[in-house]
C-alpha atoms as a PDB file:
ATOM      1  CA  MET A   1     -82.048 137.555  96.075  1.00  0.00           C
ATOM      2  CA  GLU A   2     -81.186 134.883  93.546  1.00  0.00           C
ATOM      3  CA  ILE A   3     -82.044 135.769  89.958  1.00  0.00           C
ATOM      4  CA  LEU A   4     -82.969 132.886  87.697  1.00  0.00           C
ATOM      5  CA  PRO A   5     -82.268 133.115  83.964  1.00  0.00           C
ATOM      6  CA  ILE A   6     -85.110 133.234  81.452  1.00  0.00           C
ATOM      7  CA  LEU A   7     -84.337 131.405  78.230  1.00  0.00           C
ATOM      8  CA  SER A   8     -84.971 133.764  75.333  1.00  0.00           C
ATOM      9  CA  ASP A   9     -85.994 131.001  72.943  1.00  0.00           C
ATOM     10  CA  SER A  10     -88.728 129.594  75.153  1.00  0.00           C
ATOM     11  CA  TYR A  11     -90.159 132.249  77.464  1.00  0.00           C
ATOM     12  CA  THR A  12     -93.824 133.196  77.540  1.00  0.00           C
ATOM     13  CA  LEU A  13     -94.975 136.793  77.851  1.00  0.00           C
ATOM     14  CA  GLY A  14     -98.151 137.338  79.853  1.00  0.00           C
ATOM     15  CA  PHE A  15    -100.225 140.491  80.101  1.00  0.00           C
ATOM     16  CA  ILE A  16    -102.178 141.364  83.219  1.00  0.00           C
ATOM     17  CA  GLY A  17    -104.620 143.808  81.696  1.00  0.00           C
ATOM     18  CA  ALA A  18    -105.755 143.400  78.108  1.00  0.00           C
ATOM     19  CA  GLY A  19    -106.372 146.993  77.101  1.00  0.00           C
ATOM     20  CA  LYS A  20    -105.097 148.967  74.132  1.00  0.00           C
ATOM     21  CA  MET A  21    -101.570 149.403  75.562  1.00  0.00           C
ATOM     22  CA  ALA A  22    -101.142 145.660  76.090  1.00  0.00           C
ATOM     23  CA  GLU A  23    -102.597 144.992  72.650  1.00  0.00           C
ATOM     24  CA  SER A  24    -100.142 147.407  71.005  1.00  0.00           C
ATOM     25  CA  ILE A  25     -97.131 145.911  72.788  1.00  0.00           C
ATOM     26  CA  ALA A  26     -98.250 142.360  71.986  1.00  0.00           C
ATOM     27  CA  LYS A  27     -98.847 143.223  68.319  1.00  0.00           C
ATOM     28  CA  GLY A  28     -95.453 144.905  68.100  1.00  0.00           C
ATOM     29  CA  ALA A  29     -93.648 141.929  69.635  1.00  0.00           C
ATOM     30  CA  SER A  30     -95.457 139.490  67.372  1.00  0.00           C
ATOM     31  CA  ARG A  31     -95.294 141.432  64.101  1.00  0.00           C
ATOM     32  CA  SER A  32     -91.620 142.340  64.542  1.00  0.00           C
ATOM     33  CA  GLY A  33     -90.682 138.712  65.048  1.00  0.00           C
ATOM     34  CA  VAL A  34     -89.386 139.327  68.575  1.00  0.00           C
ATOM     35  CA  LEU A  35     -91.817 136.778  69.975  1.00  0.00           C
ATOM     36  CA  PRO A  36     -94.359 134.582  68.204  1.00  0.00           C
ATOM     37  CA  SER A  37     -97.946 135.241  69.227  1.00  0.00           C
ATOM     38  CA  SER A  38     -98.180 131.603  70.335  1.00  0.00           C
ATOM     39  CA  ARG A  39     -95.938 132.547  73.297  1.00  0.00           C
ATOM     40  CA  ILE A  40     -98.064 135.506  74.430  1.00  0.00           C
ATOM     41  CA  VAL A  41    -101.024 135.144  76.809  1.00  0.00           C
ATOM     42  CA  THR A  42    -103.530 137.386  78.562  1.00  0.00           C
ATOM     43  CA  ALA A  43    -106.912 137.195  80.282  1.00  0.00           C
ATOM     44  CA  HIS A  44    -110.022 139.323  79.989  1.00  0.00           C
ATOM     45  CA  SER A  45    -113.729 138.832  80.578  1.00  0.00           C
ATOM     46  CA  ASN A  46    -114.880 141.331  77.920  1.00  0.00           C
ATOM     47  CA  PRO A  47    -115.632 139.476  74.650  1.00  0.00           C
ATOM     48  CA  SER A  48    -114.405 142.337  72.439  1.00  0.00           C
ATOM     49  CA  ARG A  49    -111.047 142.521  74.251  1.00  0.00           C
ATOM     50  CA  ARG A  50    -110.720 138.737  74.080  1.00  0.00           C
ATOM     51  CA  ALA A  51    -111.452 138.858  70.342  1.00  0.00           C
ATOM     52  CA  ALA A  52    -108.867 141.604  69.760  1.00  0.00           C
ATOM     53  CA  PHE A  53    -106.116 139.385  71.167  1.00  0.00           C
ATOM     54  CA  GLU A  54    -107.374 136.139  69.669  1.00  0.00           C
ATOM     55  CA  SER A  55    -107.460 137.782  66.211  1.00  0.00           C
ATOM     56  CA  ILE A  56    -103.663 138.116  66.304  1.00  0.00           C
ATOM     57  CA  GLY A  57    -103.111 134.577  67.572  1.00  0.00           C
ATOM     58  CA  ILE A  58    -102.701 135.358  71.260  1.00  0.00           C
ATOM     59  CA  THR A  59    -104.113 132.880  73.755  1.00  0.00           C
ATOM     60  CA  VAL A  60    -106.688 134.362  76.122  1.00  0.00           C
ATOM     61  CA  LEU A  61    -106.816 132.485  79.415  1.00  0.00           C
ATOM     62  CA  SER A  62    -109.614 132.456  81.963  1.00  0.00           C
ATOM     63  CA  SER A  63    -107.885 134.346  84.794  1.00  0.00           C
ATOM     64  CA  ASN A  64    -104.917 136.503  85.759  1.00  0.00           C
ATOM     65  CA  ASP A  65    -103.752 133.623  87.969  1.00  0.00           C
ATOM     66  CA  ASP A  66    -103.556 131.438  84.854  1.00  0.00           C
ATOM     67  CA  VAL A  67    -101.614 134.162  83.018  1.00  0.00           C
ATOM     68  CA  VAL A  68     -98.999 134.321  85.790  1.00  0.00           C
ATOM     69  CA  ARG A  69     -98.704 130.525  85.965  1.00  0.00           C
ATOM     70  CA  ALA A  70     -98.185 130.320  82.184  1.00  0.00           C
ATOM     71  CA  SER A  71     -95.680 133.198  81.920  1.00  0.00           C
ATOM     72  CA  ASN A  72     -92.007 133.819  82.623  1.00  0.00           C
ATOM     73  CA  VAL A  73     -92.357 137.555  81.971  1.00  0.00           C
ATOM     74  CA  VAL A  74     -95.468 139.223  83.418  1.00  0.00           C
ATOM     75  CA  VAL A  75     -96.421 142.673  82.120  1.00  0.00           C
ATOM     76  CA  PHE A  76     -98.723 144.703  84.356  1.00  0.00           C
ATOM     77  CA  SER A  77    -100.727 146.831  81.959  1.00  0.00           C
ATOM     78  CA  VAL A  78    -103.518 147.964  84.249  1.00  0.00           C
ATOM     79  CA  LYS A  79    -104.556 151.412  85.407  1.00  0.00           C
ATOM     80  CA  PRO A  80    -101.988 152.848  87.844  1.00  0.00           C
ATOM     81  CA  GLN A  81    -104.464 152.974  90.720  1.00  0.00           C
ATOM     82  CA  LEU A  82    -105.057 149.218  90.354  1.00  0.00           C
ATOM     83  CA  VAL A  83    -101.456 147.978  90.148  1.00  0.00           C
ATOM     84  CA  LYS A  84    -100.821 147.550  93.884  1.00  0.00           C
ATOM     85  CA  ASP A  85    -104.066 145.644  94.460  1.00  0.00           C
ATOM     86  CA  VAL A  86    -103.483 143.409  91.447  1.00  0.00           C
ATOM     87  CA  VAL A  87     -99.887 142.672  92.488  1.00  0.00           C
ATOM     88  CA  LEU A  88    -100.982 141.885  96.053  1.00  0.00           C
ATOM     89  CA  LYS A  89    -103.669 139.493  94.822  1.00  0.00           C
ATOM     90  CA  LEU A  90    -101.190 137.686  92.580  1.00  0.00           C
ATOM     91  CA  LYS A  91     -98.259 137.837  95.028  1.00  0.00           C
ATOM     92  CA  PRO A  92     -98.341 134.124  95.976  1.00  0.00           C
ATOM     93  CA  LEU A  93     -97.788 133.270  92.292  1.00  0.00           C
ATOM     94  CA  LEU A  94     -95.071 135.877  91.658  1.00  0.00           C
ATOM     95  CA  THR A  95     -92.095 133.646  92.356  1.00  0.00           C
ATOM     96  CA  LYS A  96     -88.418 134.367  91.765  1.00  0.00           C
ATOM     97  CA  ASP A  97     -88.577 132.778  88.327  1.00  0.00           C
ATOM     98  CA  LYS A  98     -90.967 135.524  87.119  1.00  0.00           C
ATOM     99  CA  LEU A  99     -89.820 138.866  85.743  1.00  0.00           C
ATOM    100  CA  LEU A 100     -92.337 141.654  86.357  1.00  0.00           C
ATOM    101  CA  VAL A 101     -92.692 144.567  83.968  1.00  0.00           C
ATOM    102  CA  SER A 102     -94.966 147.530  84.644  1.00  0.00           C
ATOM    103  CA  VAL A 103     -96.196 149.946  82.001  1.00  0.00           C
ATOM    104  CA  ALA A 104     -98.400 151.790  84.495  1.00  0.00           C
ATOM    105  CA  ALA A 105     -97.533 155.488  84.700  1.00  0.00           C
ATOM    106  CA  GLY A 106     -96.325 156.756  88.058  1.00  0.00           C
ATOM    107  CA  ILE A 107     -95.662 153.355  89.608  1.00  0.00           C
ATOM    108  CA  LYS A 108     -92.283 153.151  91.305  1.00  0.00           C
ATOM    109  CA  LEU A 109     -90.184 149.994  91.236  1.00  0.00           C
ATOM    110  CA  LYS A 110     -90.226 149.824  95.029  1.00  0.00           C
ATOM    111  CA  ASP A 111     -94.013 149.418  94.825  1.00  0.00           C
ATOM    112  CA  LEU A 112     -93.537 146.164  92.910  1.00  0.00           C
ATOM    113  CA  GLN A 113     -90.754 144.600  94.955  1.00  0.00           C
ATOM    114  CA  VAL A 114     -92.226 141.147  95.292  1.00  0.00           C
ATOM    115  CA  THR A 115     -89.697 139.783  92.781  1.00  0.00           C
ATOM    116  CA  GLU A 116     -87.429 141.221  90.084  1.00  0.00           C
ATOM    117  CA  SER A 117     -89.124 144.025  88.190  1.00  0.00           C
ATOM    118  CA  ILE A 118     -88.592 146.518  85.398  1.00  0.00           C
ATOM    119  CA  ARG A 119     -90.304 149.867  84.903  1.00  0.00           C
ATOM    120  CA  PHE A 120     -91.114 150.385  81.235  1.00  0.00           C
ATOM    121  CA  SER A 121     -92.143 153.729  79.799  1.00  0.00           C
ATOM    122  CA  PRO A 122     -94.484 153.321  76.833  1.00  0.00           C
ATOM    123  CA  SER A 123     -94.046 156.973  75.866  1.00  0.00           C
ATOM    124  CA  PHE A 124     -90.956 155.922  73.913  1.00  0.00           C
ATOM    125  CA  LEU A 125     -92.890 153.523  71.710  1.00  0.00           C
ATOM    126  CA  HIS A 126     -94.478 154.212  68.386  1.00  0.00           C
ATOM    127  CA  LEU A 127     -97.922 152.716  68.848  1.00  0.00           C
ATOM    128  CA  GLU A 128    -100.388 152.087  66.055  1.00  0.00           C
END
């Protein structure tokens, strides 16, 4: 499989799942200067979750499809039992120019092999 480079000065980070874990990672990336909040996107239908992300300058889109289309790096931050279904639904949009990252506990990389993927363990993070 051909791997396409992602330019570090222009990539967009998208979160599928806008819960507390995604919020903590997004805040950390933004506050540390790793990535400006203007290059982070997510989607959620719950007004309080939308407001939590918007309050730190993160764009909240209308759907997960829009998040994938807008992102080079897609972080799956959904409950482990939902990851496979979410990935399958989004599979047509998960092209070789997307890097997938999962923070879902217990999900094996082979379960996400629709494109290049990374398994990320949030237990090593200091979350607020």
